[in-house]
Amino acid sequence: MYKKLSIQITRKLIDSKIIPIDDAEIYHYSFEVMISTFISLLVIIVWAIIFKQLHNALYFLVGFFICRTISGGYHA
């Protein structure tokens, strides 16, 4: 699902001559990671709102992103 959407976005940008075709794979991967991250964040926030724990979810997300950034990024 993410892959298909990221390919479509990349193709539109290439067709609009916004990005060069040589960088298509880089943009494809970047969009796939961004979409995946956005959907994960959206799901966490929706669940937090449902359970009335938005402030706890925000604390978790801030701490998680700080830890992930300091300890080596997304792949670690």
C-alpha atoms as a PDB file:
ATOM      1  CA  MET A   1       0.000   0.000   0.000  1.00  0.00           C
ATOM      2  CA  TYR A   2       2.707   2.484   1.006  1.00  0.00           C
ATOM      3  CA  LYS A   3       4.905   1.390  -1.856  1.00  0.00           C
ATOM      4  CA  LYS A   4       2.206   1.908  -4.463  1.00  0.00           C
ATOM      5  CA  LEU A   5       1.342   5.367  -3.160  1.00  0.00           C
ATOM      6  CA  SER A   6       4.983   6.423  -2.962  1.00  0.00           C
ATOM      7  CA  ILE A   7       5.557   5.276  -6.550  1.00  0.00           C
ATOM      8  CA  GLN A   8       2.567   7.327  -7.728  1.00  0.00           C
ATOM      9  CA  ILE A   9       3.775  10.442  -5.915  1.00  0.00           C
ATOM     10  CA  THR A  10       7.275  10.016  -7.341  1.00  0.00           C
ATOM     11  CA  ARG A  11       5.925   9.550 -10.868  1.00  0.00           C
ATOM     12  CA  LYS A  12       3.838  12.719 -10.610  1.00  0.00           C
ATOM     13  CA  LEU A  13       6.855  14.689  -9.456  1.00  0.00           C
ATOM     14  CA  ILE A  14       8.970  13.292 -12.294  1.00  0.00           C
ATOM     15  CA  ASP A  15       6.231  14.034 -14.848  1.00  0.00           C
ATOM     16  CA  SER A  16       5.981  17.588 -13.520  1.00  0.00           C
ATOM     17  CA  LYS A  17       9.764  17.885 -13.863  1.00  0.00           C
ATOM     18  CA  ILE A  18      10.128  18.750 -10.186  1.00  0.00           C
ATOM     19  CA  ILE A  19      12.646  15.970  -9.552  1.00  0.00           C
ATOM     20  CA  PRO A  20      15.094  14.308 -11.956  1.00  0.00           C
ATOM     21  CA  ILE A  21      14.413  10.744 -13.026  1.00  0.00           C
ATOM     22  CA  ASP A  22      17.850   9.700 -11.734  1.00  0.00           C
ATOM     23  CA  ASP A  23      16.726  10.373  -8.153  1.00  0.00           C
ATOM     24  CA  ALA A  24      13.462   8.435  -8.434  1.00  0.00           C
ATOM     25  CA  GLU A  25      14.515   5.578  -6.139  1.00  0.00           C
ATOM     26  CA  ILE A  26      15.627   7.977  -3.407  1.00  0.00           C
ATOM     27  CA  TYR A  27      12.336   9.860  -3.510  1.00  0.00           C
ATOM     28  CA  HIS A  28      10.361   6.628  -3.685  1.00  0.00           C
ATOM     29  CA  TYR A  29      11.982   5.315  -0.510  1.00  0.00           C
ATOM     30  CA  SER A  30      11.681   8.683   1.236  1.00  0.00           C
ATOM     31  CA  PHE A  31       7.972   8.968   0.484  1.00  0.00           C
ATOM     32  CA  GLU A  32       7.400   5.390   1.613  1.00  0.00           C
ATOM     33  CA  VAL A  33       9.052   6.079   4.983  1.00  0.00           C
ATOM     34  CA  MET A  34       7.196   9.397   5.381  1.00  0.00           C
ATOM     35  CA  ILE A  35       3.819   7.808   4.633  1.00  0.00           C
ATOM     36  CA  SER A  36       4.506   4.932   7.016  1.00  0.00           C
ATOM     37  CA  THR A  37       5.564   7.311   9.791  1.00  0.00           C
ATOM     38  CA  PHE A  38       2.583   9.593   9.230  1.00  0.00           C
ATOM     39  CA  ILE A  39       0.087   6.738   9.376  1.00  0.00           C
ATOM     40  CA  SER A  40       1.700   5.353  12.543  1.00  0.00           C
ATOM     41  CA  LEU A  41       1.502   8.765  14.194  1.00  0.00           C
ATOM     42  CA  LEU A  42      -2.084   9.185  13.094  1.00  0.00           C
ATOM     43  CA  VAL A  43      -3.082   5.802  14.545  1.00  0.00           C
ATOM     44  CA  ILE A  44      -1.373   6.569  17.865  1.00  0.00           C
ATOM     45  CA  ILE A  45      -3.079   9.955  18.126  1.00  0.00           C
ATOM     46  CA  VAL A  46      -6.505   8.558  17.213  1.00  0.00           C
ATOM     47  CA  TRP A  47      -6.186   5.815  19.835  1.00  0.00           C
ATOM     48  CA  ALA A  48      -5.015   8.380  22.386  1.00  0.00           C
ATOM     49  CA  ILE A  49      -8.051  10.557  21.677  1.00  0.00           C
ATOM     50  CA  ILE A  50     -10.390   7.567  21.923  1.00  0.00           C
ATOM     51  CA  PHE A  51      -8.955   6.592  25.313  1.00  0.00           C
ATOM     52  CA  LYS A  52      -8.614  10.222  26.460  1.00  0.00           C
ATOM     53  CA  GLN A  53      -4.852   9.902  26.890  1.00  0.00           C
ATOM     54  CA  LEU A  54      -3.642  12.473  24.360  1.00  0.00           C
ATOM     55  CA  HIS A  55      -1.157  14.097  26.736  1.00  0.00           C
ATOM     56  CA  ASN A  56       0.426  10.717  27.555  1.00  0.00           C
ATOM     57  CA  ALA A  57       0.661   9.843  23.866  1.00  0.00           C
ATOM     58  CA  LEU A  58       2.357  13.154  23.120  1.00  0.00           C
ATOM     59  CA  TYR A  59       4.859  12.579  25.942  1.00  0.00           C
ATOM     60  CA  PHE A  60       5.566   9.127  24.547  1.00  0.00           C
ATOM     61  CA  LEU A  61       5.992  10.376  20.977  1.00  0.00           C
ATOM     62  CA  VAL A  62       8.331  13.207  21.968  1.00  0.00           C
ATOM     63  CA  GLY A  63      10.446  10.861  24.080  1.00  0.00           C
ATOM     64  CA  PHE A  64      10.427   8.186  21.413  1.00  0.00           C
ATOM     65  CA  PHE A  65      11.538  10.532  18.639  1.00  0.00           C
ATOM     66  CA  ILE A  66      14.280  12.044  20.781  1.00  0.00           C
ATOM     67  CA  CYS A  67      15.541   8.580  21.716  1.00  0.00           C
ATOM     68  CA  ARG A  68      15.375   7.375  18.125  1.00  0.00           C
ATOM     69  CA  THR A  69      17.255  10.412  16.855  1.00  0.00           C
ATOM     70  CA  ILE A  70      20.013  10.168  19.443  1.00  0.00           C
ATOM     71  CA  SER A  71      20.444   6.392  19.265  1.00  0.00           C
ATOM     72  CA  GLY A  72      20.963   6.072  15.541  1.00  0.00           C
ATOM     73  CA  GLY A  73      17.825   6.959  13.664  1.00  0.00           C
ATOM     74  CA  TYR A  74      15.049   4.904  12.101  1.00  0.00           C
ATOM     75  CA  HIS A  75      16.969   1.710  11.346  1.00  0.00           C
ATOM     76  CA  ALA A  76      18.249   1.153  14.875  1.00  0.00           C
END
